[in-house]
Amino acid sequence: GMGTLLISKIREEYPDRMMLTFSVVPSPKVSDTVVEPYNCTLSVHQLVENADEVMCIDNEALYDICFRTLKLTTPTFGDLNHLVSAVMSGITCCLRFPGQLNCDLRKLAVNL
């Protein structure tokens, strides 16, 4: 789709740069459209080909956290986006703030 096209164009323009992506993977239990698994399946090849690090976030796990941990009865997209942003913020914390655990994307990839 559009996201994988952008990633491939960025890779062409900046081949020597490390690229980290965050992708939400659909689940059949919480899916509301039929084409979600197809879109995911078709985009995984481009992600593996063009990105150096791919963080996959399970959509069902996001809903599970909202239901069980946060005790939300009907999670909104805002709730799910807040969880994803917390994950992204936590993973990239060492890139944004100075400290003893300061690292770059290469070190992050090696340690994962």
PDB file of N, CA and C in Angstrom:
ATOM      1  N   GLY A   1       0.805  -1.175   0.000  1.00  0.00           N
ATOM      2  CA  GLY A   1       0.000   0.000   0.000  1.00  0.00           C
ATOM      3  C   GLY A   1       0.855   1.249   0.000  1.00  0.00           C
ATOM      4  N   MET A   2       0.261   2.299   0.468  1.00  0.00           N
ATOM      5  CA  MET A   2       0.922   3.598   0.482  1.00  0.00           C
ATOM      6  C   MET A   2       2.116   3.620   1.438  1.00  0.00           C
ATOM      7  N   GLY A   3       1.974   2.981   2.603  1.00  0.00           N
ATOM      8  CA  GLY A   3       3.066   2.955   3.571  1.00  0.00           C
ATOM      9  C   GLY A   3       4.301   2.247   3.050  1.00  0.00           C
ATOM     10  N   THR A   4       4.113   1.093   2.411  1.00  0.00           N
ATOM     11  CA  THR A   4       5.267   0.364   1.875  1.00  0.00           C
ATOM     12  C   THR A   4       5.878   1.095   0.691  1.00  0.00           C
ATOM     13  N   LEU A   5       5.068   1.810  -0.083  1.00  0.00           N
ATOM     14  CA  LEU A   5       5.610   2.624  -1.172  1.00  0.00           C
ATOM     15  C   LEU A   5       6.493   3.734  -0.616  1.00  0.00           C
ATOM     16  N   LEU A   6       6.029   4.397   0.435  1.00  0.00           N
ATOM     17  CA  LEU A   6       6.834   5.444   1.062  1.00  0.00           C
ATOM     18  C   LEU A   6       8.137   4.889   1.626  1.00  0.00           C
ATOM     19  N   ILE A   7       8.061   3.731   2.267  1.00  0.00           N
ATOM     20  CA  ILE A   7       9.266   3.126   2.836  1.00  0.00           C
ATOM     21  C   ILE A   7      10.263   2.771   1.743  1.00  0.00           C
ATOM     22  N   SER A   8       9.786   2.219   0.630  1.00  0.00           N
ATOM     23  CA  SER A   8      10.705   1.867  -0.460  1.00  0.00           C
ATOM     24  C   SER A   8      11.314   3.112  -1.092  1.00  0.00           C
ATOM     25  N   LYS A   9      10.552   4.198  -1.213  1.00  0.00           N
ATOM     26  CA  LYS A   9      11.095   5.452  -1.764  1.00  0.00           C
ATOM     27  C   LYS A   9      12.124   6.062  -0.815  1.00  0.00           C
ATOM     28  N   ILE A  10      11.859   6.015   0.481  1.00  0.00           N
ATOM     29  CA  ILE A  10      12.828   6.516   1.456  1.00  0.00           C
ATOM     30  C   ILE A  10      14.095   5.678   1.404  1.00  0.00           C
ATOM     31  N   ARG A  11      13.958   4.363   1.257  1.00  0.00           N
ATOM     32  CA  ARG A  11      15.123   3.477   1.163  1.00  0.00           C
ATOM     33  C   ARG A  11      15.947   3.796  -0.087  1.00  0.00           C
ATOM     34  N   GLU A  12      15.284   4.076  -1.212  1.00  0.00           N
ATOM     35  CA  GLU A  12      15.998   4.453  -2.435  1.00  0.00           C
ATOM     36  C   GLU A  12      16.744   5.774  -2.251  1.00  0.00           C
ATOM     37  N   GLU A  13      16.103   6.720  -1.588  1.00  0.00           N
ATOM     38  CA  GLU A  13      16.685   8.055  -1.417  1.00  0.00           C
ATOM     39  C   GLU A  13      17.824   8.059  -0.395  1.00  0.00           C
ATOM     40  N   TYR A  14      17.682   7.268   0.662  1.00  0.00           N
ATOM     41  CA  TYR A  14      18.674   7.213   1.741  1.00  0.00           C
ATOM     42  C   TYR A  14      19.061   5.759   2.014  1.00  0.00           C
ATOM     43  N   PRO A  15      19.850   5.133   1.139  1.00  0.00           N
ATOM     44  CA  PRO A  15      20.154   3.703   1.305  1.00  0.00           C
ATOM     45  C   PRO A  15      21.067   3.390   2.491  1.00  0.00           C
ATOM     46  N   ASP A  16      21.830   4.377   2.965  1.00  0.00           N
ATOM     47  CA  ASP A  16      22.783   4.118   4.039  1.00  0.00           C
ATOM     48  C   ASP A  16      22.204   4.375   5.429  1.00  0.00           C
ATOM     49  N   ARG A  17      20.968   4.795   5.523  1.00  0.00           N
ATOM     50  CA  ARG A  17      20.341   5.094   6.814  1.00  0.00           C
ATOM     51  C   ARG A  17      19.595   3.886   7.363  1.00  0.00           C
ATOM     52  N   MET A  18      19.608   3.764   8.689  1.00  0.00           N
ATOM     53  CA  MET A  18      18.839   2.706   9.348  1.00  0.00           C
ATOM     54  C   MET A  18      17.372   3.130   9.399  1.00  0.00           C
ATOM     55  N   MET A  19      16.477   2.152   9.221  1.00  0.00           N
ATOM     56  CA  MET A  19      15.052   2.459   9.246  1.00  0.00           C
ATOM     57  C   MET A  19      14.340   1.534  10.226  1.00  0.00           C
ATOM     58  N   LEU A  20      13.578   2.139  11.124  1.00  0.00           N
ATOM     59  CA  LEU A  20      12.790   1.423  12.120  1.00  0.00           C
ATOM     60  C   LEU A  20      11.317   1.698  11.842  1.00  0.00           C
ATOM     61  N   THR A  21      10.507   0.640  11.767  1.00  0.00           N
ATOM     62  CA  THR A  21       9.076   0.816  11.528  1.00  0.00           C
ATOM     63  C   THR A  21       8.274   0.148  12.640  1.00  0.00           C
ATOM     64  N   PHE A  22       7.105   0.677  12.875  1.00  0.00           N
ATOM     65  CA  PHE A  22       6.151   0.099  13.812  1.00  0.00           C
ATOM     66  C   PHE A  22       4.898  -0.234  13.023  1.00  0.00           C
ATOM     67  N   SER A  23       4.484  -1.490  13.052  1.00  0.00           N
ATOM     68  CA  SER A  23       3.323  -1.922  12.277  1.00  0.00           C
ATOM     69  C   SER A  23       2.339  -2.650  13.185  1.00  0.00           C
ATOM     70  N   VAL A  24       1.073  -2.298  13.056  1.00  0.00           N
ATOM     71  CA  VAL A  24       0.014  -2.985  13.798  1.00  0.00           C
ATOM     72  C   VAL A  24      -0.501  -4.116  12.924  1.00  0.00           C
ATOM     73  N   VAL A  25      -0.399  -5.341  13.441  1.00  0.00           N
ATOM     74  CA  VAL A  25      -0.792  -6.538  12.696  1.00  0.00           C
ATOM     75  C   VAL A  25      -2.231  -6.896  13.071  1.00  0.00           C
ATOM     76  N   PRO A  26      -3.090  -7.128  12.087  1.00  0.00           N
ATOM     77  CA  PRO A  26      -4.501  -7.411  12.389  1.00  0.00           C
ATOM     78  C   PRO A  26      -4.699  -8.782  13.020  1.00  0.00           C
ATOM     79  N   SER A  27      -5.837  -8.924  13.669  1.00  0.00           N
ATOM     80  CA  SER A  27      -6.215 -10.182  14.295  1.00  0.00           C
ATOM     81  C   SER A  27      -7.627 -10.540  13.852  1.00  0.00           C
ATOM     82  N   PRO A  28      -7.892 -11.824  13.617  1.00  0.00           N
ATOM     83  CA  PRO A  28      -9.248 -12.194  13.186  1.00  0.00           C
ATOM     84  C   PRO A  28     -10.313 -11.957  14.255  1.00  0.00           C
ATOM     85  N   LYS A  29      -9.920 -11.930  15.518  1.00  0.00           N
ATOM     86  CA  LYS A  29     -10.903 -11.745  16.592  1.00  0.00           C
ATOM     87  C   LYS A  29     -11.432 -10.314  16.667  1.00  0.00           C
ATOM     88  N   VAL A  30     -10.597  -9.346  16.319  1.00  0.00           N
ATOM     89  CA  VAL A  30     -11.012  -7.944  16.441  1.00  0.00           C
ATOM     90  C   VAL A  30     -11.045  -7.235  15.088  1.00  0.00           C
ATOM     91  N   SER A  31     -10.966  -7.984  14.013  1.00  0.00           N
ATOM     92  CA  SER A  31     -10.966  -7.389  12.680  1.00  0.00           C
ATOM     93  C   SER A  31     -12.378  -6.979  12.281  1.00  0.00           C
ATOM     94  N   ASP A  32     -12.465  -5.821  11.635  1.00  0.00           N
ATOM     95  CA  ASP A  32     -13.778  -5.375  11.179  1.00  0.00           C
ATOM     96  C   ASP A  32     -13.883  -5.329   9.655  1.00  0.00           C
ATOM     97  N   THR A  33     -12.793  -5.557   8.957  1.00  0.00           N
ATOM     98  CA  THR A  33     -12.845  -5.611   7.492  1.00  0.00           C
ATOM     99  C   THR A  33     -12.201  -6.898   7.000  1.00  0.00           C
ATOM    100  N   VAL A  34     -12.627  -7.338   5.843  1.00  0.00           N
ATOM    101  CA  VAL A  34     -12.169  -8.613   5.289  1.00  0.00           C
ATOM    102  C   VAL A  34     -10.749  -8.517   4.743  1.00  0.00           C
ATOM    103  N   VAL A  35     -10.347  -7.348   4.258  1.00  0.00           N
ATOM    104  CA  VAL A  35      -9.071  -7.230   3.551  1.00  0.00           C
ATOM    105  C   VAL A  35      -7.869  -6.985   4.462  1.00  0.00           C
ATOM    106  N   GLU A  36      -8.080  -6.829   5.770  1.00  0.00           N
ATOM    107  CA  GLU A  36      -6.956  -6.571   6.670  1.00  0.00           C
ATOM    108  C   GLU A  36      -5.867  -7.640   6.597  1.00  0.00           C
ATOM    109  N   PRO A  37      -6.188  -8.942   6.655  1.00  0.00           N
ATOM    110  CA  PRO A  37      -5.121  -9.949   6.564  1.00  0.00           C
ATOM    111  C   PRO A  37      -4.382  -9.913   5.225  1.00  0.00           C
ATOM    112  N   TYR A  38      -5.098  -9.627   4.151  1.00  0.00           N
ATOM    113  CA  TYR A  38      -4.460  -9.560   2.838  1.00  0.00           C
ATOM    114  C   TYR A  38      -3.499  -8.377   2.761  1.00  0.00           C
ATOM    115  N   ASN A  39      -3.922  -7.227   3.252  1.00  0.00           N
ATOM    116  CA  ASN A  39      -3.051  -6.052   3.250  1.00  0.00           C
ATOM    117  C   ASN A  39      -1.788  -6.308   4.059  1.00  0.00           C
ATOM    118  N   CYS A  40      -1.945  -6.944   5.201  1.00  0.00           N
ATOM    119  CA  CYS A  40      -0.799  -7.247   6.053  1.00  0.00           C
ATOM    120  C   CYS A  40       0.145  -8.225   5.369  1.00  0.00           C
ATOM    121  N   THR A  41      -0.413  -9.272   4.787  1.00  0.00           N
ATOM    122  CA  THR A  41       0.402 -10.287   4.115  1.00  0.00           C
ATOM    123  C   THR A  41       1.177  -9.694   2.950  1.00  0.00           C
ATOM    124  N   LEU A  42       0.537  -8.837   2.185  1.00  0.00           N
ATOM    125  CA  LEU A  42       1.205  -8.239   1.032  1.00  0.00           C
ATOM    126  C   LEU A  42       2.248  -7.198   1.437  1.00  0.00           C
ATOM    127  N   SER A  43       2.097  -6.584   2.588  1.00  0.00           N
ATOM    128  CA  SER A  43       3.049  -5.547   2.983  1.00  0.00           C
ATOM    129  C   SER A  43       4.252  -6.087   3.745  1.00  0.00           C
ATOM    130  N   VAL A  44       4.148  -7.273   4.333  1.00  0.00           N
ATOM    131  CA  VAL A  44       5.257  -7.818   5.127  1.00  0.00           C
ATOM    132  C   VAL A  44       6.515  -7.980   4.280  1.00  0.00           C
ATOM    133  N   HIS A  45       6.371  -8.414   3.050  1.00  0.00           N
ATOM    134  CA  HIS A  45       7.532  -8.590   2.170  1.00  0.00           C
ATOM    135  C   HIS A  45       8.282  -7.266   1.987  1.00  0.00           C
ATOM    136  N   GLN A  46       7.552  -6.196   1.739  1.00  0.00           N
ATOM    137  CA  GLN A  46       8.187  -4.890   1.547  1.00  0.00           C
ATOM    138  C   GLN A  46       8.839  -4.398   2.837  1.00  0.00           C
ATOM    139  N   LEU A  47       8.205  -4.652   3.969  1.00  0.00           N
ATOM    140  CA  LEU A  47       8.787  -4.237   5.243  1.00  0.00           C
ATOM    141  C   LEU A  47      10.102  -4.959   5.508  1.00  0.00           C
ATOM    142  N   VAL A  48      10.114  -6.266   5.292  1.00  0.00           N
ATOM    143  CA  VAL A  48      11.331  -7.048   5.520  1.00  0.00           C
ATOM    144  C   VAL A  48      12.425  -6.631   4.542  1.00  0.00           C
ATOM    145  N   GLU A  49      12.034  -6.325   3.323  1.00  0.00           N
ATOM    146  CA  GLU A  49      12.996  -5.957   2.284  1.00  0.00           C
ATOM    147  C   GLU A  49      13.600  -4.572   2.513  1.00  0.00           C
ATOM    148  N   ASN A  50      12.810  -3.618   2.958  1.00  0.00           N
ATOM    149  CA  ASN A  50      13.261  -2.223   2.980  1.00  0.00           C
ATOM    150  C   ASN A  50      13.557  -1.654   4.361  1.00  0.00           C
ATOM    151  N   ALA A  51      13.070  -2.258   5.417  1.00  0.00           N
ATOM    152  CA  ALA A  51      13.303  -1.727   6.762  1.00  0.00           C
ATOM    153  C   ALA A  51      14.334  -2.588   7.480  1.00  0.00           C
ATOM    154  N   ASP A  52      15.146  -1.935   8.300  1.00  0.00           N
ATOM    155  CA  ASP A  52      16.164  -2.661   9.054  1.00  0.00           C
ATOM    156  C   ASP A  52      15.588  -3.282  10.322  1.00  0.00           C
ATOM    157  N   GLU A  53      14.634  -2.615  10.916  1.00  0.00           N
ATOM    158  CA  GLU A  53      13.978  -3.121  12.118  1.00  0.00           C
ATOM    159  C   GLU A  53      12.474  -2.935  11.959  1.00  0.00           C
ATOM    160  N   VAL A  54      11.719  -3.994  12.182  1.00  0.00           N
ATOM    161  CA  VAL A  54      10.260  -3.933  12.085  1.00  0.00           C
ATOM    162  C   VAL A  54       9.682  -4.379  13.421  1.00  0.00           C
ATOM    163  N   MET A  55       8.991  -3.478  14.088  1.00  0.00           N
ATOM    164  CA  MET A  55       8.324  -3.798  15.345  1.00  0.00           C
ATOM    165  C   MET A  55       6.858  -4.079  15.034  1.00  0.00           C
ATOM    166  N   CYS A  56       6.443  -5.317  15.215  1.00  0.00           N
ATOM    167  CA  CYS A  56       5.052  -5.697  14.953  1.00  0.00           C
ATOM    168  C   CYS A  56       4.260  -5.651  16.256  1.00  0.00           C
ATOM    169  N   ILE A  57       3.136  -4.966  16.212  1.00  0.00           N
ATOM    170  CA  ILE A  57       2.261  -4.831  17.375  1.00  0.00           C
ATOM    171  C   ILE A  57       0.957  -5.537  17.045  1.00  0.00           C
ATOM    172  N   ASP A  58       0.586  -6.501  17.864  1.00  0.00           N
ATOM    173  CA  ASP A  58      -0.612  -7.298  17.620  1.00  0.00           C
ATOM    174  C   ASP A  58      -1.858  -6.519  18.026  1.00  0.00           C
ATOM    175  N   ASN A  59      -2.788  -6.406  17.110  1.00  0.00           N
ATOM    176  CA  ASN A  59      -4.026  -5.669  17.361  1.00  0.00           C
ATOM    177  C   ASN A  59      -4.852  -6.324  18.468  1.00  0.00           C
ATOM    178  N   GLU A  60      -4.878  -7.639  18.490  1.00  0.00           N
ATOM    179  CA  GLU A  60      -5.616  -8.354  19.537  1.00  0.00           C
ATOM    180  C   GLU A  60      -5.000  -8.100  20.909  1.00  0.00           C
ATOM    181  N   ALA A  61      -3.666  -8.038  20.964  1.00  0.00           N
ATOM    182  CA  ALA A  61      -2.995  -7.762  22.234  1.00  0.00           C
ATOM    183  C   ALA A  61      -3.311  -6.352  22.727  1.00  0.00           C
ATOM    184  N   LEU A  62      -3.429  -5.404  21.804  1.00  0.00           N
ATOM    185  CA  LEU A  62      -3.807  -4.046  22.198  1.00  0.00           C
ATOM    186  C   LEU A  62      -5.190  -4.029  22.844  1.00  0.00           C
ATOM    187  N   TYR A  63      -6.136  -4.716  22.215  1.00  0.00           N
ATOM    188  CA  TYR A  63      -7.483  -4.794  22.780  1.00  0.00           C
ATOM    189  C   TYR A  63      -7.469  -5.534  24.117  1.00  0.00           C
ATOM    190  N   ASP A  64      -6.653  -6.576  24.206  1.00  0.00           N
ATOM    191  CA  ASP A  64      -6.547  -7.345  25.444  1.00  0.00           C
ATOM    192  C   ASP A  64      -6.040  -6.467  26.593  1.00  0.00           C
ATOM    193  N   ILE A  65      -5.044  -5.639  26.313  1.00  0.00           N
ATOM    194  CA  ILE A  65      -4.517  -4.719  27.332  1.00  0.00           C
ATOM    195  C   ILE A  65      -5.598  -3.736  27.757  1.00  0.00           C
ATOM    196  N   CYS A  66      -6.347  -3.240  26.786  1.00  0.00           N
ATOM    197  CA  CYS A  66      -7.431  -2.294  27.114  1.00  0.00           C
ATOM    198  C   CYS A  66      -8.494  -2.948  27.994  1.00  0.00           C
ATOM    199  N   PHE A  67      -8.866  -4.192  27.673  1.00  0.00           N
ATOM    200  CA  PHE A  67      -9.914  -4.868  28.438  1.00  0.00           C
ATOM    201  C   PHE A  67      -9.428  -5.307  29.813  1.00  0.00           C
ATOM    202  N   ARG A  68      -8.303  -6.013  29.861  1.00  0.00           N
ATOM    203  CA  ARG A  68      -7.873  -6.648  31.113  1.00  0.00           C
ATOM    204  C   ARG A  68      -7.094  -5.724  32.037  1.00  0.00           C
ATOM    205  N   THR A  69      -6.166  -4.950  31.477  1.00  0.00           N
ATOM    206  CA  THR A  69      -5.315  -4.117  32.323  1.00  0.00           C
ATOM    207  C   THR A  69      -5.949  -2.762  32.610  1.00  0.00           C
ATOM    208  N   LEU A  70      -6.436  -2.104  31.552  1.00  0.00           N
ATOM    209  CA  LEU A  70      -6.997  -0.766  31.721  1.00  0.00           C
ATOM    210  C   LEU A  70      -8.476  -0.785  32.096  1.00  0.00           C
ATOM    211  N   LYS A  71      -9.095  -1.980  32.054  1.00  0.00           N
ATOM    212  CA  LYS A  71     -10.508  -2.161  32.424  1.00  0.00           C
ATOM    213  C   LYS A  71     -11.453  -1.265  31.609  1.00  0.00           C
ATOM    214  N   LEU A  72     -11.186  -1.148  30.312  1.00  0.00           N
ATOM    215  CA  LEU A  72     -12.065  -0.384  29.426  1.00  0.00           C
ATOM    216  C   LEU A  72     -13.077  -1.336  28.800  1.00  0.00           C
ATOM    217  N   THR A  73     -14.329  -0.949  28.768  1.00  0.00           N
ATOM    218  CA  THR A  73     -15.355  -1.823  28.184  1.00  0.00           C
ATOM    219  C   THR A  73     -15.402  -1.704  26.669  1.00  0.00           C
ATOM    220  N   THR A  74     -15.258  -0.495  26.153  1.00  0.00           N
ATOM    221  CA  THR A  74     -15.236  -0.289  24.696  1.00  0.00           C
ATOM    222  C   THR A  74     -14.062   0.626  24.353  1.00  0.00           C
ATOM    223  N   PRO A  75     -12.893   0.046  24.063  1.00  0.00           N
ATOM    224  CA  PRO A  75     -11.732   0.877  23.740  1.00  0.00           C
ATOM    225  C   PRO A  75     -11.939   1.628  22.420  1.00  0.00           C
ATOM    226  N   THR A  76     -11.517   2.871  22.404  1.00  0.00           N
ATOM    227  CA  THR A  76     -11.599   3.685  21.191  1.00  0.00           C
ATOM    228  C   THR A  76     -10.257   3.639  20.465  1.00  0.00           C
ATOM    229  N   PHE A  77     -10.243   4.186  19.259  1.00  0.00           N
ATOM    230  CA  PHE A  77      -8.978   4.261  18.531  1.00  0.00           C
ATOM    231  C   PHE A  77      -7.980   5.146  19.270  1.00  0.00           C
ATOM    232  N   GLY A  78      -8.481   6.130  19.994  1.00  0.00           N
ATOM    233  CA  GLY A  78      -7.604   6.973  20.803  1.00  0.00           C
ATOM    234  C   GLY A  78      -6.895   6.180  21.887  1.00  0.00           C
ATOM    235  N   ASP A  79      -7.620   5.245  22.517  1.00  0.00           N
ATOM    236  CA  ASP A  79      -7.011   4.381  23.538  1.00  0.00           C
ATOM    237  C   ASP A  79      -5.932   3.493  22.925  1.00  0.00           C
ATOM    238  N   LEU A  80      -6.237   2.908  21.772  1.00  0.00           N
ATOM    239  CA  LEU A  80      -5.269   2.041  21.095  1.00  0.00           C
ATOM    240  C   LEU A  80      -4.054   2.843  20.636  1.00  0.00           C
ATOM    241  N   ASN A  81      -4.296   4.033  20.090  1.00  0.00           N
ATOM    242  CA  ASN A  81      -3.190   4.883  19.650  1.00  0.00           C
ATOM    243  C   ASN A  81      -2.314   5.301  20.819  1.00  0.00           C
ATOM    244  N   HIS A  82      -2.926   5.522  21.983  1.00  0.00           N
ATOM    245  CA  HIS A  82      -2.143   5.872  23.170  1.00  0.00           C
ATOM    246  C   HIS A  82      -1.208   4.726  23.560  1.00  0.00           C
ATOM    247  N   LEU A  83      -1.695   3.498  23.496  1.00  0.00           N
ATOM    248  CA  LEU A  83      -0.843   2.342  23.798  1.00  0.00           C
ATOM    249  C   LEU A  83       0.303   2.226  22.806  1.00  0.00           C
ATOM    250  N   VAL A  84       0.007   2.387  21.518  1.00  0.00           N
ATOM    251  CA  VAL A  84       1.052   2.295  20.491  1.00  0.00           C
ATOM    252  C   VAL A  84       2.076   3.405  20.686  1.00  0.00           C
ATOM    253  N   SER A  85       1.621   4.605  21.004  1.00  0.00           N
ATOM    254  CA  SER A  85       2.567   5.707  21.213  1.00  0.00           C
ATOM    255  C   SER A  85       3.437   5.462  22.441  1.00  0.00           C
ATOM    256  N   ALA A  86       2.889   4.822  23.464  1.00  0.00           N
ATOM    257  CA  ALA A  86       3.690   4.485  24.647  1.00  0.00           C
ATOM    258  C   ALA A  86       4.765   3.462  24.298  1.00  0.00           C
ATOM    259  N   VAL A  87       4.430   2.496  23.453  1.00  0.00           N
ATOM    260  CA  VAL A  87       5.414   1.504  23.005  1.00  0.00           C
ATOM    261  C   VAL A  87       6.514   2.180  22.199  1.00  0.00           C
ATOM    262  N   MET A  88       6.113   3.024  21.257  1.00  0.00           N
ATOM    263  CA  MET A  88       7.094   3.718  20.420  1.00  0.00           C
ATOM    264  C   MET A  88       7.993   4.621  21.259  1.00  0.00           C
ATOM    265  N   SER A  89       7.409   5.308  22.212  1.00  0.00           N
ATOM    266  CA  SER A  89       8.171   6.197  23.081  1.00  0.00           C
ATOM    267  C   SER A  89       9.158   5.419  23.945  1.00  0.00           C
ATOM    268  N   GLY A  90       8.716   4.288  24.475  1.00  0.00           N
ATOM    269  CA  GLY A  90       9.597   3.479  25.315  1.00  0.00           C
ATOM    270  C   GLY A  90      10.760   2.882  24.555  1.00  0.00           C
ATOM    271  N   ILE A  91      10.505   2.422  23.332  1.00  0.00           N
ATOM    272  CA  ILE A  91      11.573   1.802  22.543  1.00  0.00           C
ATOM    273  C   ILE A  91      12.594   2.836  22.082  1.00  0.00           C
ATOM    274  N   THR A  92      12.131   4.026  21.731  1.00  0.00           N
ATOM    275  CA  THR A  92      13.046   5.045  21.203  1.00  0.00           C
ATOM    276  C   THR A  92      13.557   6.000  22.274  1.00  0.00           C
ATOM    277  N   CYS A  93      13.303   5.712  23.530  1.00  0.00           N
ATOM    278  CA  CYS A  93      13.716   6.588  24.626  1.00  0.00           C
ATOM    279  C   CYS A  93      15.229   6.797  24.643  1.00  0.00           C
ATOM    280  N   CYS A  94      15.990   5.743  24.440  1.00  0.00           N
ATOM    281  CA  CYS A  94      17.449   5.858  24.486  1.00  0.00           C
ATOM    282  C   CYS A  94      17.993   6.676  23.313  1.00  0.00           C
ATOM    283  N   LEU A  95      17.219   6.841  22.257  1.00  0.00           N
ATOM    284  CA  LEU A  95      17.653   7.652  21.118  1.00  0.00           C
ATOM    285  C   LEU A  95      17.410   9.141  21.363  1.00  0.00           C
ATOM    286  N   ARG A  96      16.424   9.460  22.199  1.00  0.00           N
ATOM    287  CA  ARG A  96      16.009  10.844  22.370  1.00  0.00           C
ATOM    288  C   ARG A  96      16.611  11.542  23.576  1.00  0.00           C
ATOM    289  N   PHE A  97      17.008  10.792  24.596  1.00  0.00           N
ATOM    290  CA  PHE A  97      17.489  11.407  25.821  1.00  0.00           C
ATOM    291  C   PHE A  97      18.915  10.969  26.112  1.00  0.00           C
ATOM    292  N   PRO A  98      19.750  11.886  26.625  1.00  0.00           N
ATOM    293  CA  PRO A  98      21.123  11.497  26.977  1.00  0.00           C
ATOM    294  C   PRO A  98      21.137  10.648  28.244  1.00  0.00           C
ATOM    295  N   GLY A  99      22.133   9.785  28.319  1.00  0.00           N
ATOM    296  CA  GLY A  99      22.258   8.952  29.506  1.00  0.00           C
ATOM    297  C   GLY A  99      23.243   7.828  29.283  1.00  0.00           C
ATOM    298  N   GLN A 100      23.399   6.987  30.289  1.00  0.00           N
ATOM    299  CA  GLN A 100      24.340   5.880  30.199  1.00  0.00           C
ATOM    300  C   GLN A 100      23.890   4.832  29.201  1.00  0.00           C
ATOM    301  N   LEU A 101      22.606   4.666  29.030  1.00  0.00           N
ATOM    302  CA  LEU A 101      22.083   3.664  28.105  1.00  0.00           C
ATOM    303  C   LEU A 101      21.838   4.243  26.717  1.00  0.00           C
ATOM    304  N   ASN A 102      22.481   5.350  26.400  1.00  0.00           N
ATOM    305  CA  ASN A 102      22.286   5.994  25.106  1.00  0.00           C
ATOM    306  C   ASN A 102      22.785   5.075  23.996  1.00  0.00           C
ATOM    307  N   CYS A 103      22.006   4.918  22.953  1.00  0.00           N
ATOM    308  CA  CYS A 103      22.391   4.032  21.863  1.00  0.00           C
ATOM    309  C   CYS A 103      21.836   4.571  20.553  1.00  0.00           C
ATOM    310  N   ASP A 104      22.221   3.935  19.464  1.00  0.00           N
ATOM    311  CA  ASP A 104      21.679   4.289  18.158  1.00  0.00           C
ATOM    312  C   ASP A 104      20.885   3.099  17.627  1.00  0.00           C
ATOM    313  N   LEU A 105      20.340   3.238  16.412  1.00  0.00           N
ATOM    314  CA  LEU A 105      19.502   2.169  15.864  1.00  0.00           C
ATOM    315  C   LEU A 105      20.288   0.890  15.604  1.00  0.00           C
ATOM    316  N   ARG A 106      21.569   1.007  15.263  1.00  0.00           N
ATOM    317  CA  ARG A 106      22.379  -0.199  15.041  1.00  0.00           C
ATOM    318  C   ARG A 106      22.533  -0.999  16.332  1.00  0.00           C
ATOM    319  N   LYS A 107      22.849  -0.322  17.424  1.00  0.00           N
ATOM    320  CA  LYS A 107      22.971  -1.008  18.710  1.00  0.00           C
ATOM    321  C   LYS A 107      21.631  -1.592  19.144  1.00  0.00           C
ATOM    322  N   LEU A 108      20.565  -0.866  18.882  1.00  0.00           N
ATOM    323  CA  LEU A 108      19.233  -1.363  19.215  1.00  0.00           C
ATOM    324  C   LEU A 108      18.919  -2.633  18.436  1.00  0.00           C
ATOM    325  N   ALA A 109      19.270  -2.658  17.158  1.00  0.00           N
ATOM    326  CA  ALA A 109      19.025  -3.840  16.324  1.00  0.00           C
ATOM    327  C   ALA A 109      19.857  -5.029  16.792  1.00  0.00           C
ATOM    328  N   VAL A 110      21.100  -4.780  17.180  1.00  0.00           N
ATOM    329  CA  VAL A 110      21.969  -5.866  17.640  1.00  0.00           C
ATOM    330  C   VAL A 110      21.452  -6.440  18.955  1.00  0.00           C
ATOM    331  N   ASN A 111      21.002  -5.574  19.853  1.00  0.00           N
ATOM    332  CA  ASN A 111      20.542  -6.035  21.160  1.00  0.00           C
ATOM    333  C   ASN A 111      19.184  -6.723  21.117  1.00  0.00           C
ATOM    334  N   LEU A 112      18.404  -6.476  20.074  1.00  0.00           N
ATOM    335  CA  LEU A 112      17.119  -7.152  19.970  1.00  0.00           C
ATOM    336  C   LEU A 112      17.340  -8.552  19.474  1.00  0.00           C
TER     337      LEU A 112
END
